[in-house]
Amino acid sequence: MVLLVRGVVQDEPPPDTRTLYLNHPVLRDSASQLLTISTKVVGPIGLLYVCQREMAVTVPHDKNVSIIGSDDVTTCIILVIRHTGSGAVGFAHLDGSCTEECVVNMVHRIQELSMGFPDGRLEMSLIGGFTHVLRYSEQVFYSLMVAVHKHQSEIELVLACVGELNTIMRNNVHWPLLYGAGVMVKSGEVFPANFPDKGPEQPLRLARLFTGLQPVLDVYDCSLGLLRIGPFNYEPMRSVDLWLQQSDEFILQALSTTPDVEPPHTVMAIRASLKYVQDHPFPAVTVFRDNRPLYYRRDEHSGTWTPFRY
């Protein structure tokens, strides 16, 4: 029982976002404050972009990463955990897959990076998810609360902009207010954001979402300053050729949990990912040769991630 709100240990994980706000109005206030901040458009310089079902952890003195962020969040939830003593911060884009494993791995990595800092506590922020008739976001929220509640370390929830507070009605359709967020690595400030440049190997990284249950991957080594993708394999996707022949509307309706509110570029990204699966049905063989990850380092001149042989 180590989920805390305002310093008070919670006997049970909140069953849904409405109960969370009813029991802790202070979280409603902090969410409202976040929503008053204008959404920042973040460029590639200093950015580490985290895709769905990925996580990353770093420290304030990281010279390669100043912002960690993610967007295209509809029913998913962004998780940020930060150690107030060391400033080590973890960031994940969660869709309900392997949530407990992600929390355990993220906290363990943060605590490793916080050794030598006797003072400080773990603070958690949640952004994303919205009120939806199928309640996908509530399922992700509850799985996350259970995972944190079961963890042996005390983790204090300080910001939660989720569920009804992240929802607006447009033409009788529920829409998310925030589609993305970033965290300033040095200060720990969380802010609304979107990211035109999402980093390297997007089709490969998104292919995992359509090919069976997959763990949340840690995509960054802050000790080396390297973005790390894989190695991983995925289950072969049946009839991928047939999928690619379908209309944009069919693909959106079939492969999105929220087809009515997806960003405009969603279908293009899905098609690129399906094409990648078609070209590389077994990435463990054709992409991650010798079971080696793909590494990228920050280019000093352009600020973008470039391939690196490690």
C-alpha atoms as a PDB file:
ATOM      1  CA  MET A   1       0.000   0.000   0.000  1.00  0.00           C
ATOM      2  CA  VAL A   2       2.440   2.649  -1.152  1.00  0.00           C
ATOM      3  CA  LEU A   3       0.416   4.866  -3.475  1.00  0.00           C
ATOM      4  CA  LEU A   4       0.317   8.288  -1.807  1.00  0.00           C
ATOM      5  CA  VAL A   5      -1.738  11.422  -2.408  1.00  0.00           C
ATOM      6  CA  ARG A   6      -0.805  14.552  -0.432  1.00  0.00           C
ATOM      7  CA  GLY A   7       1.453  12.414   1.739  1.00  0.00           C
ATOM      8  CA  VAL A   8      -1.338  10.018   2.734  1.00  0.00           C
ATOM      9  CA  VAL A   9      -1.026   6.312   1.953  1.00  0.00           C
ATOM     10  CA  GLN A  10      -4.032   5.034   0.006  1.00  0.00           C
ATOM     11  CA  ASP A  11      -5.584   1.854   1.406  1.00  0.00           C
ATOM     12  CA  GLU A  12      -6.846   0.824  -2.029  1.00  0.00           C
ATOM     13  CA  PRO A  13      -6.041   1.934  -5.577  1.00  0.00           C
ATOM     14  CA  PRO A  14      -8.724   4.288  -6.937  1.00  0.00           C
ATOM     15  CA  PRO A  15     -11.072   2.245  -9.155  1.00  0.00           C
ATOM     16  CA  ASP A  16     -11.575   5.020 -11.711  1.00  0.00           C
ATOM     17  CA  THR A  17     -10.679   8.632 -12.421  1.00  0.00           C
ATOM     18  CA  ARG A  18     -13.975  10.034 -11.116  1.00  0.00           C
ATOM     19  CA  THR A  19     -13.405   8.447  -7.704  1.00  0.00           C
ATOM     20  CA  LEU A  20      -9.855   9.809  -7.711  1.00  0.00           C
ATOM     21  CA  TYR A  21     -11.078  13.379  -8.187  1.00  0.00           C
ATOM     22  CA  LEU A  22     -13.959  13.024  -5.729  1.00  0.00           C
ATOM     23  CA  ASN A  23     -11.594  11.849  -3.004  1.00  0.00           C
ATOM     24  CA  HIS A  24      -8.770  14.256  -3.878  1.00  0.00           C
ATOM     25  CA  PRO A  25     -10.043  17.612  -5.216  1.00  0.00           C
ATOM     26  CA  VAL A  26      -6.463  18.979  -5.100  1.00  0.00           C
ATOM     27  CA  LEU A  27      -5.682  16.796  -8.123  1.00  0.00           C
ATOM     28  CA  ARG A  28      -8.545  18.409  -9.993  1.00  0.00           C
ATOM     29  CA  ASP A  29      -6.964  21.805  -9.283  1.00  0.00           C
ATOM     30  CA  SER A  30      -3.504  20.812 -10.534  1.00  0.00           C
ATOM     31  CA  ALA A  31      -5.012  19.296 -13.689  1.00  0.00           C
ATOM     32  CA  SER A  32      -6.928  22.501 -14.359  1.00  0.00           C
ATOM     33  CA  GLN A  33      -3.693  24.466 -14.026  1.00  0.00           C
ATOM     34  CA  LEU A  34      -1.968  22.195 -16.559  1.00  0.00           C
ATOM     35  CA  LEU A  35      -4.805  22.772 -19.022  1.00  0.00           C
ATOM     36  CA  THR A  36      -4.238  26.542 -18.876  1.00  0.00           C
ATOM     37  CA  ILE A  37      -0.726  26.117 -20.317  1.00  0.00           C
ATOM     38  CA  SER A  38      -0.493  26.574 -24.078  1.00  0.00           C
ATOM     39  CA  THR A  39       0.576  23.487 -26.010  1.00  0.00           C
ATOM     40  CA  LYS A  40       4.209  23.788 -27.080  1.00  0.00           C
ATOM     41  CA  VAL A  41       5.413  22.564 -30.471  1.00  0.00           C
ATOM     42  CA  VAL A  42       8.739  20.888 -29.681  1.00  0.00           C
ATOM     43  CA  GLY A  43      11.459  20.425 -32.289  1.00  0.00           C
ATOM     44  CA  PRO A  44      14.053  17.647 -32.460  1.00  0.00           C
ATOM     45  CA  ILE A  45      16.917  19.452 -30.708  1.00  0.00           C
ATOM     46  CA  GLY A  46      17.279  18.007 -27.220  1.00  0.00           C
ATOM     47  CA  LEU A  47      14.168  15.851 -27.628  1.00  0.00           C
ATOM     48  CA  LEU A  48      13.832  12.163 -26.794  1.00  0.00           C
ATOM     49  CA  TYR A  49      10.515  11.023 -28.243  1.00  0.00           C
ATOM     50  CA  VAL A  50       8.875   8.000 -26.644  1.00  0.00           C
ATOM     51  CA  CYS A  51       6.401   5.980 -28.720  1.00  0.00           C
ATOM     52  CA  GLN A  52       3.441   3.977 -27.476  1.00  0.00           C
ATOM     53  CA  ARG A  53       4.566   1.020 -25.369  1.00  0.00           C
ATOM     54  CA  GLU A  54       7.994   2.571 -24.760  1.00  0.00           C
ATOM     55  CA  MET A  55       9.730   4.168 -21.771  1.00  0.00           C
ATOM     56  CA  ALA A  56      12.911   6.143 -21.113  1.00  0.00           C
ATOM     57  CA  VAL A  57      14.821   7.314 -18.038  1.00  0.00           C
ATOM     58  CA  THR A  58      17.507   9.978 -17.720  1.00  0.00           C
ATOM     59  CA  VAL A  59      19.099  12.513 -15.364  1.00  0.00           C
ATOM     60  CA  PRO A  60      19.336  16.338 -15.272  1.00  0.00           C
ATOM     61  CA  HIS A  61      22.994  16.464 -16.355  1.00  0.00           C
ATOM     62  CA  ASP A  62      22.272  14.529 -19.570  1.00  0.00           C
ATOM     63  CA  LYS A  63      23.803  16.713 -22.293  1.00  0.00           C
ATOM     64  CA  ASN A  64      21.893  14.906 -25.058  1.00  0.00           C
ATOM     65  CA  VAL A  65      18.323  15.079 -23.769  1.00  0.00           C
ATOM     66  CA  SER A  66      16.585  18.121 -22.305  1.00  0.00           C
ATOM     67  CA  ILE A  67      12.961  17.062 -23.000  1.00  0.00           C
ATOM     68  CA  ILE A  68      11.277  13.660 -23.030  1.00  0.00           C
ATOM     69  CA  GLY A  69       7.864  13.609 -24.652  1.00  0.00           C
ATOM     70  CA  SER A  70       5.154  11.762 -26.505  1.00  0.00           C
ATOM     71  CA  ASP A  71       1.910  12.564 -28.287  1.00  0.00           C
ATOM     72  CA  ASP A  72      -0.854  10.891 -30.320  1.00  0.00           C
ATOM     73  CA  VAL A  73      -2.309   9.919 -26.941  1.00  0.00           C
ATOM     74  CA  THR A  74      -6.044   9.192 -26.989  1.00  0.00           C
ATOM     75  CA  THR A  75      -6.992   6.246 -24.770  1.00  0.00           C
ATOM     76  CA  CYS A  76      -3.379   5.795 -23.624  1.00  0.00           C
ATOM     77  CA  ILE A  77      -1.855   7.492 -20.574  1.00  0.00           C
ATOM     78  CA  ILE A  78       1.538   9.162 -20.210  1.00  0.00           C
ATOM     79  CA  LEU A  79       3.357   8.239 -16.986  1.00  0.00           C
ATOM     80  CA  VAL A  80       6.080  10.455 -15.529  1.00  0.00           C
ATOM     81  CA  ILE A  81       7.951   9.461 -12.355  1.00  0.00           C
ATOM     82  CA  ARG A  82      10.660  11.716 -10.917  1.00  0.00           C
ATOM     83  CA  HIS A  83      12.976  11.505  -7.911  1.00  0.00           C
ATOM     84  CA  THR A  84      12.971  14.914  -6.252  1.00  0.00           C
ATOM     85  CA  GLY A  85      16.475  14.469  -4.823  1.00  0.00           C
ATOM     86  CA  SER A  86      18.468  13.364  -7.861  1.00  0.00           C
ATOM     87  CA  GLY A  87      16.102  14.710 -10.527  1.00  0.00           C
ATOM     88  CA  ALA A  88      16.217  11.360 -12.335  1.00  0.00           C
ATOM     89  CA  VAL A  89      13.039  11.117 -14.390  1.00  0.00           C
ATOM     90  CA  GLY A  90      11.214   8.318 -16.181  1.00  0.00           C
ATOM     91  CA  PHE A  91       8.644   8.705 -18.934  1.00  0.00           C
ATOM     92  CA  ALA A  92       6.347   6.097 -20.518  1.00  0.00           C
ATOM     93  CA  HIS A  93       3.478   5.989 -23.031  1.00  0.00           C
ATOM     94  CA  LEU A  94       1.197   3.230 -21.727  1.00  0.00           C
ATOM     95  CA  ASP A  95      -1.685   1.417 -23.386  1.00  0.00           C
ATOM     96  CA  GLY A  96      -2.382  -1.204 -20.708  1.00  0.00           C
ATOM     97  CA  SER A  97       0.164  -3.724 -21.985  1.00  0.00           C
ATOM     98  CA  CYS A  98       2.661  -4.982 -19.358  1.00  0.00           C
ATOM     99  CA  THR A  99       1.963  -1.994 -17.087  1.00  0.00           C
ATOM    100  CA  GLU A 100       3.204  -3.546 -13.854  1.00  0.00           C
ATOM    101  CA  GLU A 101       6.465  -4.653 -15.452  1.00  0.00           C
ATOM    102  CA  CYS A 102       6.983  -1.130 -16.789  1.00  0.00           C
ATOM    103  CA  VAL A 103       6.433   0.486 -13.371  1.00  0.00           C
ATOM    104  CA  VAL A 104       8.848  -1.943 -11.717  1.00  0.00           C
ATOM    105  CA  ASN A 105      11.543  -1.396 -14.356  1.00  0.00           C
ATOM    106  CA  MET A 106      11.139   2.382 -14.416  1.00  0.00           C
ATOM    107  CA  VAL A 107      11.308   2.801 -10.646  1.00  0.00           C
ATOM    108  CA  HIS A 108      14.271   0.447 -10.407  1.00  0.00           C
ATOM    109  CA  ARG A 109      16.176   2.448 -13.024  1.00  0.00           C
ATOM    110  CA  ILE A 110      15.335   5.776 -11.343  1.00  0.00           C
ATOM    111  CA  GLN A 111      16.480   4.451  -7.984  1.00  0.00           C
ATOM    112  CA  GLU A 112      19.730   3.200  -9.514  1.00  0.00           C
ATOM    113  CA  LEU A 113      20.395   6.679 -10.883  1.00  0.00           C
ATOM    114  CA  SER A 114      19.470   8.234  -7.511  1.00  0.00           C
ATOM    115  CA  MET A 115      21.985   6.329  -5.403  1.00  0.00           C
ATOM    116  CA  GLY A 116      23.951   8.780  -3.282  1.00  0.00           C
ATOM    117  CA  PHE A 117      20.932  11.076  -2.869  1.00  0.00           C
ATOM    118  CA  PRO A 118      19.531  10.197   0.568  1.00  0.00           C
ATOM    119  CA  ASP A 119      16.870  12.893   0.409  1.00  0.00           C
ATOM    120  CA  GLY A 120      14.020  12.998  -2.045  1.00  0.00           C
ATOM    121  CA  ARG A 121      10.862  11.117  -2.911  1.00  0.00           C
ATOM    122  CA  LEU A 122       9.239   9.618  -5.999  1.00  0.00           C
ATOM    123  CA  GLU A 123       6.555  11.824  -7.552  1.00  0.00           C
ATOM    124  CA  MET A 124       4.207  10.680 -10.289  1.00  0.00           C
ATOM    125  CA  SER A 125       2.258  12.556 -12.975  1.00  0.00           C
ATOM    126  CA  LEU A 126      -0.402  11.141 -15.307  1.00  0.00           C
ATOM    127  CA  ILE A 127      -1.521  12.836 -18.525  1.00  0.00           C
ATOM    128  CA  GLY A 128      -3.906  11.562 -21.187  1.00  0.00           C
ATOM    129  CA  GLY A 129      -6.860   9.278 -21.503  1.00  0.00           C
ATOM    130  CA  PHE A 130     -10.360  10.673 -21.831  1.00  0.00           C
ATOM    131  CA  THR A 131     -13.999   9.782 -21.197  1.00  0.00           C
ATOM    132  CA  HIS A 132     -14.941   7.237 -23.843  1.00  0.00           C
ATOM    133  CA  VAL A 133     -17.954   5.006 -24.179  1.00  0.00           C
ATOM    134  CA  LEU A 134     -15.818   1.858 -24.218  1.00  0.00           C
ATOM    135  CA  ARG A 135     -13.825   3.020 -21.154  1.00  0.00           C
ATOM    136  CA  TYR A 136     -10.442   2.020 -22.587  1.00  0.00           C
ATOM    137  CA  SER A 137      -8.718   4.854 -20.735  1.00  0.00           C
ATOM    138  CA  GLU A 138     -10.261   3.802 -17.441  1.00  0.00           C
ATOM    139  CA  GLN A 139      -8.861   0.301 -17.937  1.00  0.00           C
ATOM    140  CA  VAL A 140      -5.381   1.722 -18.536  1.00  0.00           C
ATOM    141  CA  PHE A 141      -5.751   4.026 -15.514  1.00  0.00           C
ATOM    142  CA  TYR A 142      -6.821   1.232 -13.187  1.00  0.00           C
ATOM    143  CA  SER A 143      -4.053  -1.130 -14.305  1.00  0.00           C
ATOM    144  CA  LEU A 144      -1.560   1.642 -13.627  1.00  0.00           C
ATOM    145  CA  MET A 145      -2.982   2.419 -10.187  1.00  0.00           C
ATOM    146  CA  VAL A 146      -2.873  -1.264  -9.241  1.00  0.00           C
ATOM    147  CA  ALA A 147       0.735  -1.541 -10.436  1.00  0.00           C
ATOM    148  CA  VAL A 148       1.820   1.479  -8.386  1.00  0.00           C
ATOM    149  CA  HIS A 149      -0.204   0.336  -5.367  1.00  0.00           C
ATOM    150  CA  LYS A 150       1.570  -3.033  -5.395  1.00  0.00           C
ATOM    151  CA  HIS A 151       5.048  -1.548  -5.672  1.00  0.00           C
ATOM    152  CA  GLN A 152       7.233  -1.649  -2.570  1.00  0.00           C
ATOM    153  CA  SER A 153       8.374   1.983  -2.928  1.00  0.00           C
ATOM    154  CA  GLU A 154       6.323   5.001  -1.922  1.00  0.00           C
ATOM    155  CA  ILE A 155       5.156   6.900  -5.015  1.00  0.00           C
ATOM    156  CA  GLU A 156       3.192  10.113  -4.596  1.00  0.00           C
ATOM    157  CA  LEU A 157       0.632  11.138  -7.211  1.00  0.00           C
ATOM    158  CA  VAL A 158       1.023  14.901  -7.679  1.00  0.00           C
ATOM    159  CA  LEU A 159      -0.640  15.499 -11.067  1.00  0.00           C
ATOM    160  CA  ALA A 160      -3.425  13.636 -12.872  1.00  0.00           C
ATOM    161  CA  CYS A 161      -4.950  15.174 -15.984  1.00  0.00           C
ATOM    162  CA  VAL A 162      -6.941  12.142 -17.077  1.00  0.00           C
ATOM    163  CA  GLY A 163     -10.483  10.987 -17.722  1.00  0.00           C
ATOM    164  CA  GLU A 164     -13.220  13.584 -17.449  1.00  0.00           C
ATOM    165  CA  LEU A 165     -10.772  16.439 -16.840  1.00  0.00           C
ATOM    166  CA  ASN A 166      -9.073  15.685 -20.150  1.00  0.00           C
ATOM    167  CA  THR A 167     -12.342  15.528 -22.106  1.00  0.00           C
ATOM    168  CA  ILE A 168     -14.339  18.000 -24.165  1.00  0.00           C
ATOM    169  CA  MET A 169     -17.580  17.499 -26.113  1.00  0.00           C
ATOM    170  CA  ARG A 170     -17.650  18.464 -29.794  1.00  0.00           C
ATOM    171  CA  ASN A 171     -20.725  17.658 -31.907  1.00  0.00           C
ATOM    172  CA  ASN A 172     -21.836  15.104 -29.306  1.00  0.00           C
ATOM    173  CA  VAL A 173     -18.483  13.313 -29.488  1.00  0.00           C
ATOM    174  CA  HIS A 174     -16.020  13.072 -26.603  1.00  0.00           C
ATOM    175  CA  TRP A 175     -12.553  14.386 -27.530  1.00  0.00           C
ATOM    176  CA  PRO A 176      -9.315  14.497 -25.535  1.00  0.00           C
ATOM    177  CA  LEU A 177      -8.139  17.981 -24.599  1.00  0.00           C
ATOM    178  CA  LEU A 178      -4.463  17.020 -24.506  1.00  0.00           C
ATOM    179  CA  TYR A 179      -2.933  14.674 -27.066  1.00  0.00           C
ATOM    180  CA  GLY A 180       0.616  14.879 -25.770  1.00  0.00           C
ATOM    181  CA  ALA A 181       2.976  16.098 -23.085  1.00  0.00           C
ATOM    182  CA  GLY A 182       6.628  16.605 -22.359  1.00  0.00           C
ATOM    183  CA  VAL A 183       8.794  16.862 -19.269  1.00  0.00           C
ATOM    184  CA  MET A 184      11.744  19.212 -18.844  1.00  0.00           C
ATOM    185  CA  VAL A 185      14.522  16.942 -17.637  1.00  0.00           C
ATOM    186  CA  LYS A 186      16.339  19.542 -15.537  1.00  0.00           C
ATOM    187  CA  SER A 187      13.319  20.982 -13.719  1.00  0.00           C
ATOM    188  CA  GLY A 188      10.775  18.183 -13.884  1.00  0.00           C
ATOM    189  CA  GLU A 189       8.177  20.582 -15.324  1.00  0.00           C
ATOM    190  CA  VAL A 190       5.391  18.764 -17.175  1.00  0.00           C
ATOM    191  CA  PHE A 191       3.703  20.655 -20.016  1.00  0.00           C
ATOM    192  CA  PRO A 192       1.272  20.039 -22.921  1.00  0.00           C
ATOM    193  CA  ALA A 193       3.126  19.446 -26.174  1.00  0.00           C
ATOM    194  CA  ASN A 194       3.127  17.965 -29.643  1.00  0.00           C
ATOM    195  CA  PHE A 195       6.081  16.739 -31.620  1.00  0.00           C
ATOM    196  CA  PRO A 196       6.294  17.007 -35.429  1.00  0.00           C
ATOM    197  CA  ASP A 197       9.605  15.106 -35.362  1.00  0.00           C
ATOM    198  CA  LYS A 198       9.091  11.762 -33.618  1.00  0.00           C
ATOM    199  CA  GLY A 199      12.594  10.391 -34.034  1.00  0.00           C
ATOM    200  CA  PRO A 200      14.007   7.483 -36.034  1.00  0.00           C
ATOM    201  CA  GLU A 201      12.432   4.191 -37.100  1.00  0.00           C
ATOM    202  CA  GLN A 202       8.813   5.134 -36.454  1.00  0.00           C
ATOM    203  CA  PRO A 203       7.302   2.398 -38.682  1.00  0.00           C
ATOM    204  CA  LEU A 204       9.416  -0.258 -36.958  1.00  0.00           C
ATOM    205  CA  ARG A 205       8.619   1.008 -33.478  1.00  0.00           C
ATOM    206  CA  LEU A 206       4.881   1.195 -34.175  1.00  0.00           C
ATOM    207  CA  ALA A 207       4.778  -2.221 -35.848  1.00  0.00           C
ATOM    208  CA  ARG A 208       4.823  -3.823 -32.414  1.00  0.00           C
ATOM    209  CA  LEU A 209       1.361  -2.380 -31.707  1.00  0.00           C
ATOM    210  CA  PHE A 210      -0.337  -4.422 -34.427  1.00  0.00           C
ATOM    211  CA  THR A 211       1.438  -7.732 -33.942  1.00  0.00           C
ATOM    212  CA  GLY A 212       0.445  -9.103 -30.556  1.00  0.00           C
ATOM    213  CA  LEU A 213       1.086  -8.340 -26.892  1.00  0.00           C
ATOM    214  CA  GLN A 214       4.482  -6.716 -26.414  1.00  0.00           C
ATOM    215  CA  PRO A 215       6.367  -5.387 -23.366  1.00  0.00           C
ATOM    216  CA  VAL A 216       7.125  -1.728 -22.740  1.00  0.00           C
ATOM    217  CA  LEU A 217      10.627  -1.198 -24.131  1.00  0.00           C
ATOM    218  CA  ASP A 218      13.286   0.978 -22.516  1.00  0.00           C
ATOM    219  CA  VAL A 219      14.609   2.931 -25.509  1.00  0.00           C
ATOM    220  CA  TYR A 220      17.389   5.046 -23.988  1.00  0.00           C
ATOM    221  CA  ASP A 221      20.761   4.506 -22.320  1.00  0.00           C
ATOM    222  CA  CYS A 222      21.563   7.760 -20.542  1.00  0.00           C
ATOM    223  CA  SER A 223      25.045   6.574 -19.500  1.00  0.00           C
ATOM    224  CA  LEU A 224      25.999   6.350 -23.195  1.00  0.00           C
ATOM    225  CA  GLY A 225      23.620   9.012 -24.528  1.00  0.00           C
ATOM    226  CA  LEU A 226      22.271   6.529 -27.065  1.00  0.00           C
ATOM    227  CA  LEU A 227      18.743   5.964 -28.321  1.00  0.00           C
ATOM    228  CA  ARG A 228      18.326   2.189 -28.431  1.00  0.00           C
ATOM    229  CA  ILE A 229      15.695   0.335 -30.497  1.00  0.00           C
ATOM    230  CA  GLY A 230      15.249  -3.409 -30.021  1.00  0.00           C
ATOM    231  CA  PRO A 231      16.146  -6.098 -30.461  1.00  0.00           C
ATOM    232  CA  PHE A 232      12.666  -7.572 -30.634  1.00  0.00           C
ATOM    233  CA  ASN A 233      10.546  -9.806 -32.781  1.00  0.00           C
ATOM    234  CA  TYR A 234       6.811  -9.764 -33.361  1.00  0.00           C
ATOM    235  CA  GLU A 235       4.238 -12.284 -34.392  1.00  0.00           C
ATOM    236  CA  PRO A 236       3.732 -12.445 -38.156  1.00  0.00           C
ATOM    237  CA  MET A 237       0.680 -10.436 -39.152  1.00  0.00           C
ATOM    238  CA  ARG A 238      -1.740 -12.380 -41.265  1.00  0.00           C
ATOM    239  CA  SER A 239      -3.063 -10.873 -44.476  1.00  0.00           C
ATOM    240  CA  VAL A 240      -0.959  -7.718 -44.221  1.00  0.00           C
ATOM    241  CA  ASP A 241      -1.164  -7.434 -48.021  1.00  0.00           C
ATOM    242  CA  LEU A 242      -4.951  -7.351 -47.750  1.00  0.00           C
ATOM    243  CA  TRP A 243      -4.832  -4.726 -45.013  1.00  0.00           C
ATOM    244  CA  LEU A 244      -2.753  -2.434 -47.215  1.00  0.00           C
ATOM    245  CA  GLN A 245      -5.376  -2.646 -49.951  1.00  0.00           C
ATOM    246  CA  GLN A 246      -8.128  -1.281 -47.719  1.00  0.00           C
ATOM    247  CA  SER A 247      -9.386   2.306 -47.646  1.00  0.00           C
ATOM    248  CA  ASP A 248      -8.110   4.812 -45.111  1.00  0.00           C
ATOM    249  CA  GLU A 249     -11.496   4.830 -43.405  1.00  0.00           C
ATOM    250  CA  PHE A 250     -11.534   1.027 -43.088  1.00  0.00           C
ATOM    251  CA  ILE A 251      -8.033   0.980 -41.596  1.00  0.00           C
ATOM    252  CA  LEU A 252      -8.896   3.727 -39.137  1.00  0.00           C
ATOM    253  CA  GLN A 253     -12.107   2.053 -37.988  1.00  0.00           C
ATOM    254  CA  ALA A 254     -10.455  -1.359 -37.656  1.00  0.00           C
ATOM    255  CA  LEU A 255      -7.097  -0.476 -36.082  1.00  0.00           C
ATOM    256  CA  SER A 256      -7.860   2.497 -33.844  1.00  0.00           C
ATOM    257  CA  THR A 257      -9.625   2.413 -30.481  1.00  0.00           C
ATOM    258  CA  THR A 258     -10.901   5.943 -31.138  1.00  0.00           C
ATOM    259  CA  PRO A 259     -11.261   6.454 -34.908  1.00  0.00           C
ATOM    260  CA  ASP A 260     -13.419   9.586 -34.562  1.00  0.00           C
ATOM    261  CA  VAL A 261     -10.784  11.610 -32.710  1.00  0.00           C
ATOM    262  CA  GLU A 262      -7.439  10.481 -34.098  1.00  0.00           C
ATOM    263  CA  PRO A 263      -4.933  13.090 -35.383  1.00  0.00           C
ATOM    264  CA  PRO A 264      -4.893  13.598 -39.179  1.00  0.00           C
ATOM    265  CA  HIS A 265      -1.612  11.739 -39.708  1.00  0.00           C
ATOM    266  CA  THR A 266      -2.748   8.521 -37.982  1.00  0.00           C
ATOM    267  CA  VAL A 267      -3.653   6.501 -41.080  1.00  0.00           C
ATOM    268  CA  MET A 268      -0.414   7.461 -42.825  1.00  0.00           C
ATOM    269  CA  ALA A 269       1.554   6.217 -39.815  1.00  0.00           C
ATOM    270  CA  ILE A 270      -0.452   2.975 -39.683  1.00  0.00           C
ATOM    271  CA  ARG A 271       0.104   2.332 -43.394  1.00  0.00           C
ATOM    272  CA  ALA A 272       3.843   2.929 -43.052  1.00  0.00           C
ATOM    273  CA  SER A 273       3.943   0.492 -40.140  1.00  0.00           C
ATOM    274  CA  LEU A 274       1.947  -2.172 -42.007  1.00  0.00           C
ATOM    275  CA  LYS A 275       4.278  -1.792 -44.977  1.00  0.00           C
ATOM    276  CA  TYR A 276       7.220  -2.326 -42.631  1.00  0.00           C
ATOM    277  CA  VAL A 277       5.629  -5.531 -41.331  1.00  0.00           C
ATOM    278  CA  GLN A 278       5.131  -6.628 -44.937  1.00  0.00           C
ATOM    279  CA  ASP A 279       8.797  -5.984 -45.759  1.00  0.00           C
ATOM    280  CA  HIS A 280      10.136  -7.358 -42.465  1.00  0.00           C
ATOM    281  CA  PRO A 281       7.848 -10.095 -41.127  1.00  0.00           C
ATOM    282  CA  PHE A 282      10.725 -11.371 -38.957  1.00  0.00           C
ATOM    283  CA  PRO A 283      12.697  -8.331 -37.715  1.00  0.00           C
ATOM    284  CA  ALA A 284      14.846 -10.509 -35.454  1.00  0.00           C
ATOM    285  CA  VAL A 285      16.353 -11.865 -38.677  1.00  0.00           C
ATOM    286  CA  THR A 286      16.308  -8.927 -41.115  1.00  0.00           C
ATOM    287  CA  VAL A 287      16.559  -5.857 -38.856  1.00  0.00           C
ATOM    288  CA  PHE A 288      18.322  -6.822 -35.631  1.00  0.00           C
ATOM    289  CA  ARG A 289      21.137  -8.852 -37.110  1.00  0.00           C
ATOM    290  CA  ASP A 290      23.179 -10.842 -34.586  1.00  0.00           C
ATOM    291  CA  ASN A 291      20.525  -9.867 -32.031  1.00  0.00           C
ATOM    292  CA  ARG A 292      21.945  -6.337 -31.877  1.00  0.00           C
ATOM    293  CA  PRO A 293      19.866  -3.223 -31.160  1.00  0.00           C
ATOM    294  CA  LEU A 294      19.748  -0.274 -33.540  1.00  0.00           C
ATOM    295  CA  TYR A 295      21.612   2.613 -31.907  1.00  0.00           C
ATOM    296  CA  TYR A 296      21.348   6.345 -32.559  1.00  0.00           C
ATOM    297  CA  ARG A 297      23.310   9.231 -31.104  1.00  0.00           C
ATOM    298  CA  ARG A 298      22.648  12.953 -31.100  1.00  0.00           C
ATOM    299  CA  ASP A 299      24.214  14.793 -34.038  1.00  0.00           C
ATOM    300  CA  GLU A 300      25.953  17.876 -32.671  1.00  0.00           C
ATOM    301  CA  HIS A 301      25.099  20.026 -35.689  1.00  0.00           C
ATOM    302  CA  SER A 302      21.494  19.155 -36.607  1.00  0.00           C
ATOM    303  CA  GLY A 303      20.380  18.008 -33.159  1.00  0.00           C
ATOM    304  CA  THR A 304      18.695  14.925 -34.646  1.00  0.00           C
ATOM    305  CA  TRP A 305      19.339  11.253 -33.876  1.00  0.00           C
ATOM    306  CA  THR A 306      21.684   9.630 -36.385  1.00  0.00           C
ATOM    307  CA  PRO A 307      22.643   5.921 -36.753  1.00  0.00           C
ATOM    308  CA  PHE A 308      25.611   4.866 -34.673  1.00  0.00           C
ATOM    309  CA  ARG A 309      27.578   1.633 -34.665  1.00  0.00           C
ATOM    310  CA  TYR A 310      28.128   0.590 -31.056  1.00  0.00           C
END
